[in-house]
Protein backbone atom coordinates (compact mmCIF):
# COMPACT_ATOMS: atom_id res chain seq x y z
CA MET A 1 8.55 -106.41 -120.76
CA ILE A 2 5.69 -108.57 -121.43
CA LYS A 3 3.47 -108.57 -124.49
CA HIS A 4 -0.16 -108.55 -123.43
CA ILE A 5 -3.49 -108.35 -125.64
CA HIS A 6 -7.12 -107.71 -124.65
CA ILE A 7 -9.80 -108.56 -127.18
CA ARG A 8 -13.18 -106.41 -126.93
CA LYS A 9 -15.95 -108.66 -128.90
CA ASP A 10 -18.41 -106.84 -131.46
CA THR A 11 -16.59 -103.56 -130.50
CA TYR A 12 -16.14 -101.18 -133.44
CA VAL A 13 -13.98 -98.18 -133.62
CA ASP A 14 -13.01 -96.04 -136.62
CA SER A 15 -9.56 -95.79 -137.66
CA VAL A 16 -9.23 -92.23 -136.77
CA PHE A 17 -9.79 -92.74 -133.35
CA LEU A 18 -7.98 -96.17 -133.11
CA MET A 19 -4.70 -93.99 -134.09
CA PHE A 20 -5.47 -91.54 -131.49
CA LEU A 21 -5.83 -94.34 -128.84
CA SER A 22 -2.70 -96.11 -130.00
CA LYS A 23 -1.00 -92.78 -129.74
CA GLU A 24 -1.95 -92.01 -126.35
CA LEU A 25 -1.04 -95.32 -124.95
CA LYS A 26 2.39 -95.05 -126.44
CA GLU A 27 3.02 -91.96 -124.74
CA ARG A 28 2.76 -93.59 -121.35
CA SER A 29 5.72 -93.59 -119.49
CA ASP A 30 5.50 -97.44 -118.39
CA VAL A 31 4.52 -98.63 -121.97
CA THR A 32 6.93 -99.51 -124.43
CA ASP A 33 4.79 -100.05 -127.48
CA ALA A 34 0.99 -100.30 -128.11
CA THR A 35 -1.36 -101.01 -131.00
CA VAL A 36 -5.00 -100.68 -130.69
CA THR A 37 -6.58 -101.77 -133.91
CA MET A 38 -9.57 -103.76 -135.35
CA GLY A 39 -9.18 -107.64 -135.88
CA THR A 40 -8.75 -107.55 -139.76
CA PRO A 41 -6.68 -110.40 -141.24
CA ILE A 42 -3.84 -107.97 -142.20
CA ASN A 43 -3.96 -106.41 -138.64
CA LEU A 44 -3.52 -109.85 -136.91
CA ASN A 45 -0.57 -110.65 -139.14
CA LEU A 46 1.11 -107.34 -138.30
CA LEU A 47 0.51 -108.34 -134.49
CA LYS A 48 1.98 -111.59 -135.19
CA GLU A 49 5.09 -110.12 -136.64
CA GLN A 50 5.39 -108.02 -133.53
CA GLY A 51 5.58 -111.27 -131.40
CA TYR A 52 2.30 -111.49 -129.90
CA SER A 53 0.86 -114.80 -129.50
CA LEU A 54 -1.26 -116.80 -132.25
CA ASP A 55 -3.42 -118.38 -129.75
CA THR A 56 -4.66 -115.28 -128.18
CA LEU A 57 -5.68 -114.06 -131.78
CA LYS A 58 -7.30 -116.98 -133.18
CA ASP A 59 -10.67 -116.35 -132.66
CA VAL A 60 -10.59 -112.81 -133.27
CA THR A 61 -13.02 -111.40 -136.01
CA PRO A 62 -12.90 -107.84 -138.14
CA ALA A 63 -15.65 -106.67 -135.75
CA ASP A 64 -13.35 -107.27 -132.61
CA LEU A 65 -11.19 -104.71 -131.17
CA VAL A 66 -7.85 -105.72 -130.04
CA ILE A 67 -5.67 -103.82 -127.64
CA ALA A 68 -2.10 -104.85 -127.68
CA LEU A 69 0.52 -103.54 -125.11
CA ASP A 70 4.15 -104.15 -124.63
CA CYS A 71 4.58 -103.32 -120.66
CA ALA A 72 6.35 -104.53 -117.46
CA SER A 73 3.22 -105.91 -115.39
CA GLU A 74 -0.29 -106.85 -115.50
CA LYS A 75 -0.99 -103.91 -113.28
CA ILE A 76 0.36 -101.55 -115.86
CA PHE A 77 -1.70 -103.28 -118.39
CA ALA A 78 -4.93 -103.00 -116.51
CA GLU A 79 -4.19 -99.20 -115.76
CA ALA A 80 -3.70 -98.96 -119.55
CA LEU A 81 -7.23 -100.42 -120.30
CA THR A 82 -8.65 -98.33 -117.88
CA ALA A 83 -7.45 -95.39 -119.84
CA VAL A 84 -8.69 -96.75 -123.08
CA ASP A 85 -12.14 -97.25 -121.38
CA GLU A 86 -12.12 -93.65 -120.40
CA MET A 87 -10.89 -92.39 -123.58
CA LEU A 88 -13.96 -94.36 -125.54
CA ALA A 89 -16.17 -92.97 -123.02
CA GLY A 90 -15.19 -89.29 -123.67
CA LYS A 91 -15.60 -90.05 -127.51
CA LYS A 92 -19.24 -90.89 -126.84
CA LYS A 93 -19.75 -88.06 -124.37
CA SER A 94 -18.06 -85.37 -126.84
CA SER A 95 -20.49 -86.63 -129.58
CA SER A 96 -23.86 -86.23 -127.42
CA GLY A 97 -26.35 -83.56 -127.81
CA SER A 98 -26.20 -82.88 -123.80
CA PRO A 99 -25.74 -79.25 -122.77
CA THR A 100 -22.08 -80.55 -121.48
CA GLY A 101 -21.09 -82.15 -124.92
CA SER A 102 -18.75 -80.20 -127.21
CA GLY A 103 -19.54 -81.97 -130.58
CA LEU A 104 -22.19 -82.38 -133.00
CA PRO A 105 -25.55 -83.47 -132.13
CA HIS A 106 -25.84 -87.23 -131.58
CA THR A 107 -28.59 -89.28 -133.00
CA LYS A 108 -29.14 -92.97 -133.03
CA THR A 109 -30.87 -93.45 -136.39
CA LEU A 110 -30.39 -92.05 -140.07
CA ASP A 111 -34.25 -90.83 -139.92
CA SER A 112 -33.56 -88.92 -136.55
CA ALA A 113 -30.44 -87.24 -138.14
CA LEU A 114 -32.10 -86.09 -141.25
CA ASP A 115 -34.69 -84.70 -138.85
CA THR A 116 -31.96 -82.85 -137.08
CA LEU A 117 -30.26 -81.89 -140.41
CA LEU A 118 -32.56 -80.96 -142.98
CA ASP A 119 -30.44 -80.19 -145.83
CA ALA A 120 -27.98 -82.70 -145.34
CA ASN A 121 -27.12 -84.55 -148.76
CA LEU A 122 -24.08 -86.21 -147.83
CA ALA A 123 -23.72 -89.29 -145.32
CA ILE A 124 -20.28 -90.41 -144.10
CA ILE A 125 -20.71 -94.30 -143.19
CA SER A 126 -17.90 -96.07 -140.87
CA VAL A 127 -19.11 -99.29 -139.67
CA PRO A 128 -17.67 -102.87 -139.85
CA GLY A 129 -17.61 -104.13 -143.44
CA MET A 130 -20.04 -106.76 -143.03
CA TYR A 131 -22.81 -104.15 -141.90
CA ALA A 132 -21.76 -101.13 -144.35
CA PRO A 133 -24.01 -102.37 -147.28
CA ARG A 134 -27.13 -102.16 -145.29
CA GLU A 135 -26.45 -98.62 -143.95
CA VAL A 136 -25.58 -97.53 -147.57
CA LYS A 137 -28.43 -98.85 -149.07
CA LYS A 138 -30.66 -96.85 -146.30
CA ALA A 139 -28.48 -93.62 -146.96
CA LEU A 140 -29.44 -94.01 -150.99
CA ASN A 141 -32.89 -94.48 -150.27
CA LYS A 142 -33.06 -91.44 -148.57
CA GLY A 143 -31.50 -89.59 -151.30
CA LEU A 144 -27.75 -89.09 -149.80
CA HIS A 145 -24.78 -89.24 -151.61
CA VAL A 146 -22.38 -91.70 -149.61
CA MET A 147 -18.62 -91.53 -148.59
CA LEU A 148 -17.95 -95.10 -147.25
CA PHE A 149 -15.07 -94.90 -145.22
CA SER A 150 -15.52 -98.87 -144.18
CA ASP A 151 -13.23 -101.43 -145.62
CA ASN A 152 -13.72 -105.25 -145.94
CA VAL A 153 -16.96 -104.67 -148.23
CA SER A 154 -17.18 -107.37 -150.49
CA LEU A 155 -16.59 -106.83 -154.53
CA GLU A 156 -20.20 -108.01 -155.12
CA ASP A 157 -21.68 -105.30 -152.60
CA GLU A 158 -19.55 -102.74 -153.94
CA ILE A 159 -20.80 -103.43 -157.60
CA ALA A 160 -24.50 -103.64 -156.46
CA LEU A 161 -24.34 -100.42 -154.10
CA LYS A 162 -22.65 -98.33 -157.00
CA LYS A 163 -25.32 -99.52 -159.37
CA LEU A 164 -28.01 -98.55 -157.44
CA ALA A 165 -26.37 -95.05 -156.77
CA ARG A 166 -25.98 -94.65 -160.41
CA GLU A 167 -29.42 -95.49 -160.78
CA LYS A 168 -30.54 -92.75 -158.39
CA GLY A 169 -27.95 -90.32 -159.64
CA LEU A 170 -25.98 -90.40 -156.44
CA LEU A 171 -22.31 -90.94 -155.78
CA VAL A 172 -20.57 -93.63 -153.44
CA MET A 173 -17.60 -92.79 -152.58
CA GLY A 174 -15.61 -95.85 -151.45
CA PRO A 175 -15.34 -98.83 -149.93
CA ASP A 176 -12.21 -97.78 -148.28
CA CYS A 177 -12.57 -94.04 -149.36
CA GLY A 178 -10.50 -91.94 -146.80
CA THR A 179 -10.11 -88.79 -148.57
CA THR A 180 -12.81 -86.37 -149.88
CA ILE A 181 -12.93 -82.55 -150.45
CA ILE A 182 -16.63 -81.47 -150.93
CA ASN A 183 -17.46 -77.72 -151.72
CA GLY A 184 -14.15 -76.66 -149.62
CA LYS A 185 -14.95 -79.19 -146.75
CA PRO A 186 -11.89 -81.70 -146.25
CA ILE A 187 -13.77 -85.02 -144.92
CA CYS A 188 -11.58 -87.54 -143.17
CA PHE A 189 -8.23 -87.67 -144.13
CA ALA A 190 -8.33 -84.43 -146.42
CA ASN A 191 -6.24 -81.75 -146.23
CA MET A 192 -7.31 -78.32 -145.88
CA ALA A 193 -7.41 -76.74 -149.39
CA ASP A 194 -8.49 -73.43 -150.94
CA ARG A 195 -11.23 -73.34 -153.39
CA GLY A 196 -10.25 -73.05 -156.85
CA LEU A 197 -10.36 -74.12 -160.19
CA VAL A 198 -9.37 -77.31 -160.63
CA GLY A 199 -11.55 -80.24 -159.89
CA ILE A 200 -10.29 -83.77 -158.75
CA VAL A 201 -11.48 -87.43 -159.05
CA ALA A 202 -9.11 -89.83 -157.52
CA ALA A 203 -8.84 -93.64 -156.78
CA ALA A 204 -5.88 -92.76 -154.32
CA GLY A 205 -6.13 -91.49 -151.23
CA THR A 206 -2.80 -90.28 -150.43
CA GLY A 207 -2.61 -89.35 -153.99
CA LEU A 208 -5.79 -86.96 -153.79
CA GLN A 209 -4.16 -85.38 -150.64
CA LYS A 210 -0.73 -84.59 -152.38
CA VAL A 211 -2.30 -83.08 -155.46
CA SER A 212 -4.79 -81.07 -153.39
CA CYS A 213 -1.70 -79.37 -151.57
CA LEU A 214 0.39 -79.08 -154.80
CA ILE A 215 -2.17 -77.45 -156.33
CA ASN A 216 -2.53 -74.65 -153.72
CA ARG A 217 1.20 -74.38 -153.87
CA PHE A 218 1.14 -73.79 -157.56
CA GLY A 219 -1.50 -70.86 -157.33
CA SER A 220 -4.81 -72.38 -157.55
CA GLY A 221 -7.30 -74.42 -155.73
CA VAL A 222 -9.79 -77.36 -155.45
CA SER A 223 -13.36 -76.95 -156.54
CA GLN A 224 -14.26 -80.63 -155.78
CA GLY A 225 -12.32 -83.72 -154.81
CA ILE A 226 -14.02 -86.84 -155.14
CA GLY A 227 -12.58 -90.10 -153.86
CA THR A 228 -13.73 -93.16 -155.50
CA GLY A 229 -12.27 -96.11 -153.48
CA GLY A 230 -9.38 -98.35 -154.50
CA ARG A 231 -11.18 -101.10 -156.65
CA ASP A 232 -13.46 -98.43 -158.80
CA LEU A 233 -10.71 -98.44 -161.49
CA LYS A 234 -8.87 -101.30 -161.07
CA ASN A 235 -11.53 -103.84 -160.89
CA ALA A 236 -13.22 -104.20 -164.73
CA GLN A 237 -16.36 -105.42 -163.06
CA VAL A 238 -16.89 -102.16 -160.86
CA GLY A 239 -16.14 -100.52 -163.98
CA GLY A 240 -14.94 -96.98 -162.75
CA THR A 241 -18.82 -96.18 -162.10
CA THR A 242 -17.88 -93.52 -159.28
CA MET A 243 -14.97 -92.21 -161.40
CA LEU A 244 -17.04 -91.69 -164.45
CA MET A 245 -19.74 -90.22 -162.55
CA GLY A 246 -17.58 -87.79 -160.83
CA ILE A 247 -15.99 -86.85 -164.35
CA GLU A 248 -19.48 -86.21 -165.68
CA ALA A 249 -20.12 -83.81 -162.37
CA LEU A 250 -17.22 -81.81 -162.58
CA GLY A 251 -17.86 -81.25 -166.62
CA ALA A 252 -21.19 -79.80 -165.38
CA ASP A 253 -19.63 -77.74 -163.18
CA PRO A 254 -19.24 -73.94 -163.75
CA GLU A 255 -16.69 -73.56 -161.12
CA THR A 256 -14.20 -76.33 -162.43
CA LYS A 257 -12.01 -75.15 -165.10
CA ALA A 258 -9.65 -78.00 -165.71
CA ILE A 259 -10.04 -81.77 -164.35
CA LEU A 260 -7.18 -83.78 -162.61
CA ILE A 261 -7.28 -87.61 -162.53
CA VAL A 262 -5.17 -89.67 -160.37
CA SER A 263 -5.59 -93.50 -159.94
CA LYS A 264 -3.24 -96.55 -159.26
CA PRO A 265 -2.98 -98.57 -162.58
CA PRO A 266 -6.79 -99.24 -163.78
CA ALA A 267 -8.05 -102.14 -165.70
CA PRO A 268 -7.16 -101.13 -169.23
CA GLU A 269 -10.99 -101.05 -170.58
CA VAL A 270 -11.54 -98.70 -167.62
CA ALA A 271 -8.90 -96.53 -168.65
CA SER A 272 -9.98 -96.19 -172.02
CA LYS A 273 -13.85 -95.17 -170.36
CA VAL A 274 -12.06 -92.33 -168.28
CA VAL A 275 -10.38 -90.54 -171.45
CA GLN A 276 -13.36 -91.10 -173.34
CA ALA A 277 -15.62 -89.55 -170.51
CA LEU A 278 -13.10 -86.69 -170.17
CA GLU A 279 -13.15 -85.77 -173.86
CA LYS A 280 -16.75 -85.51 -173.57
CA THR A 281 -16.61 -82.79 -170.83
CA GLY A 282 -14.57 -80.77 -173.36
CA LYS A 283 -12.68 -79.53 -170.63
CA PRO A 284 -8.74 -79.50 -170.72
CA SER A 285 -7.68 -82.66 -168.32
CA VAL A 286 -4.71 -84.04 -166.93
CA VAL A 287 -4.59 -87.85 -166.09
CA HIS A 288 -1.96 -89.43 -163.91
CA PHE A 289 -2.28 -93.53 -163.96
CA ILE A 290 0.61 -94.41 -161.47
CA GLY A 291 2.67 -96.84 -163.14
CA LEU A 292 0.63 -97.65 -165.87
CA LYS A 293 2.25 -98.34 -169.42
CA SER A 294 -0.39 -97.50 -171.67
CA ASP A 295 -1.06 -97.06 -175.61
CA ILE A 296 -4.09 -94.91 -174.93
CA PRO A 297 -3.69 -92.17 -177.63
CA ALA A 298 -3.24 -88.56 -176.95
CA ARG A 299 -6.26 -86.01 -177.20
CA PRO A 300 -5.99 -82.34 -177.66
CA SER A 301 -7.65 -81.69 -174.43
CA ILE A 302 -5.93 -84.57 -172.40
CA HIS A 303 -2.44 -84.61 -170.90
CA PHE A 304 -0.93 -87.69 -169.31
CA ALA A 305 1.43 -86.82 -166.71
CA ALA A 306 4.43 -88.54 -165.19
CA ASN A 307 4.08 -88.06 -161.57
CA LEU A 308 1.94 -86.24 -159.32
CA GLU A 309 3.85 -82.99 -159.26
CA GLU A 310 3.71 -82.73 -162.85
CA ALA A 311 0.01 -83.53 -162.84
CA SER A 312 -0.86 -80.85 -160.25
CA ARG A 313 1.39 -78.19 -162.06
CA TRP A 314 -0.21 -78.86 -165.67
CA ALA A 315 -3.69 -78.88 -163.95
CA VAL A 316 -3.37 -75.63 -162.50
CA ALA A 317 -1.67 -74.12 -166.07
CA LEU A 318 -4.73 -75.33 -167.80
CA ALA A 319 -7.20 -74.10 -165.40
CA LYS A 320 -5.49 -70.71 -165.72
CA GLY A 321 -6.06 -70.84 -169.50
CA GLU A 322 -2.15 -71.46 -170.22
CA GLN A 323 -0.30 -73.44 -172.46
CA ILE A 324 1.61 -76.72 -171.19
CA ASP A 325 5.47 -76.74 -172.24
CA VAL A 326 5.67 -80.51 -171.78
CA GLN A 327 9.39 -80.81 -173.23
CA SER A 328 11.09 -77.99 -171.26
CA ARG A 329 9.43 -78.92 -168.08
CA ARG A 330 10.54 -82.42 -168.37
CA GLU A 331 13.74 -81.66 -169.32
CA TRP A 332 14.03 -79.52 -166.20
CA PRO A 333 10.97 -80.31 -164.06
CA PHE A 334 12.33 -78.01 -160.79
CA ASP A 335 11.45 -74.55 -159.86
CA GLN A 336 14.81 -74.04 -158.57
CA SER A 337 17.97 -73.21 -160.99
CA ARG A 338 20.27 -75.88 -161.86
CA ALA A 339 23.00 -74.39 -159.65
CA GLU A 340 20.57 -74.40 -156.75
CA ILE A 341 19.78 -78.10 -157.48
CA GLU A 342 23.38 -78.93 -157.70
CA ALA A 343 24.28 -77.29 -154.47
CA LEU A 344 21.55 -79.00 -152.48
CA VAL A 345 22.91 -82.31 -154.03
CA GLU A 346 26.16 -81.46 -153.25
CA ARG A 347 25.29 -80.35 -149.42
CA GLU A 348 23.41 -83.80 -148.99
CA THR A 349 25.85 -86.32 -150.37
CA ARG A 350 28.64 -84.20 -148.85
CA ARG A 351 26.81 -85.88 -145.15
CA MET A 352 27.05 -89.57 -146.27
CA SER A 353 29.92 -91.94 -145.97
CA LYS A 354 31.69 -93.55 -148.70
CA THR A 355 30.11 -97.06 -147.84
CA GLN A 356 26.25 -95.80 -148.04
CA LYS A 357 24.70 -97.24 -151.07
CA TYR A 358 21.14 -98.17 -150.47
CA ILE A 359 18.23 -96.25 -150.46
CA ARG A 360 15.26 -97.25 -147.97
CA GLY A 361 11.95 -95.75 -147.48
CA TYR A 362 9.36 -96.21 -145.21
CA TYR A 363 5.63 -95.09 -146.26
CA THR A 364 2.17 -94.90 -145.00
CA GLY A 365 0.80 -94.06 -148.18
CA GLY A 366 0.30 -96.73 -150.93
CA THR A 367 0.58 -94.11 -153.78
CA LEU A 368 3.55 -92.41 -152.33
CA THR A 369 5.17 -95.74 -152.28
CA ASP A 370 4.44 -96.66 -155.62
CA GLU A 371 5.24 -93.05 -156.94
CA ALA A 372 8.75 -93.48 -155.26
CA TRP A 373 9.73 -96.88 -156.42
CA ILE A 374 8.53 -96.44 -159.90
CA LEU A 375 10.63 -93.30 -160.16
CA LEU A 376 13.64 -94.72 -158.58
CA ARG A 377 13.48 -98.04 -160.76
CA GLY A 378 14.42 -95.82 -163.58
CA LEU A 379 17.78 -94.82 -162.11
CA THR A 380 18.74 -98.17 -160.60
CA GLY A 381 17.02 -100.80 -162.41
CA ALA A 382 15.14 -102.26 -159.72
CA VAL A 383 13.39 -101.59 -156.44
CA TYR A 384 12.56 -104.07 -153.74
CA SER A 385 9.01 -103.37 -152.25
CA ASN A 386 6.25 -105.06 -150.41
CA ASN A 387 4.26 -102.71 -152.76
CA GLN A 388 5.81 -104.03 -155.89
CA THR A 389 4.04 -105.11 -159.12
CA ASP A 390 6.69 -107.51 -160.13
CA PRO A 391 6.66 -110.76 -158.06
CA ALA A 392 10.62 -110.72 -158.45
CA PHE A 393 11.01 -107.59 -156.66
CA VAL A 394 8.41 -108.33 -153.54
CA LEU A 395 9.99 -108.47 -150.33
CA PRO A 396 9.14 -111.78 -148.92
CA ASP A 397 9.88 -110.44 -145.37
CA PRO A 398 9.61 -106.53 -145.23
CA ILE A 399 11.15 -106.85 -141.71
CA LYS A 400 14.42 -108.26 -142.88
CA LYS A 401 17.17 -106.44 -144.64
CA ARG A 402 18.02 -107.21 -148.27
CA ARG A 403 21.35 -106.31 -149.74
CA LYS A 404 21.50 -108.01 -152.99
CA PRO A 405 23.46 -105.75 -155.50
CA LEU A 406 22.27 -105.22 -158.80
CA LYS A 407 23.75 -106.39 -161.93
CA ASN A 408 25.15 -102.93 -162.79
CA GLY A 409 27.01 -102.46 -159.30
CA ALA A 410 24.70 -99.93 -157.82
CA GLY A 411 22.59 -100.24 -154.62
CA THR A 412 19.47 -101.81 -154.43
CA CYS A 413 16.54 -99.36 -153.60
CA TRP A 414 14.11 -100.95 -150.79
CA LEU A 415 10.99 -99.21 -149.94
CA LEU A 416 8.60 -100.14 -147.15
CA LEU A 417 4.80 -99.70 -146.83
CA LEU A 418 3.15 -100.62 -143.77
């Protein structure tokens, strides 16, 4: 097999369609592996780790499309490139407004789009990060809320855009926001969720996905699910602008009876602002700051959950006007009986050999990875991960196995995020 790379300069494709292209190429019988991606630094590093030539990638920019294939010959590679061209052409055709098109009407400017959709109030923007600020400003100046799917937007631009949005009373969800549920409609990577009484504001995409599903499972639904982008709370300069505006909006929403906040560890001063904003709404609220060790004092209406499942369960109970029995739930957090859980554990461990002692996980969402290693750390004392916050337990090379035993003799848990 030969590793081939083809670069398409200044060709932007959103991440959803990139995954589709990669999947279609991998399913070809004459292709061993395939990756279609944008030329961002992190993606180029992944390609280098897969053995692709550094010389081939040296002039690639984040605005370039990279097609990397592991296949047997130049002929097969050329045929795969032709298939990519056909899929990209099909994407453009399906979005056209022609009689043969099957998608939504296609327009070339924001003004023409607004002429077509007269009552639109939300713009979803997915362009290379270097161009995103300009497009976001256009949308805000037209009175549109923005979901900014694009990444690689500078911190300075994010701060400026959110300041402008706040002045106009509009939300900028993002950058790098991939999950939102607005008026019952799942956007981008969001799950289908029933409408209901719980409003969510999340600085964690897979976190929002998971809690929206759990809220349905526990017998309620989602009034609104607002994504903020990862830096909104994490960076003190951004200051939680979208999070705070989202909380204010849910506080004023008569359909929202309880508010659920999910975030990776925020800046301490931003965490305090979030709690104050929740208290101001007067609505019962649940907060899950993943992995944050905080001394923020409890409030009568605000409950701090230990994990995503607990947070979802509590939000549903509060939305229904029920009381939370924190102590009994934490003593036994499962819906099944003790006998059923013990039987499950016995059944699963029976399949393991006596030499098995390592737990390894592979995750495609940072929130789920963080939750897993934080929970397992309490059982084993330490967890190695490429998503760790403790430098002593960050994997220097996620591809290589690590078998260093813990001091207590237990096996090291190793979780991998890619």
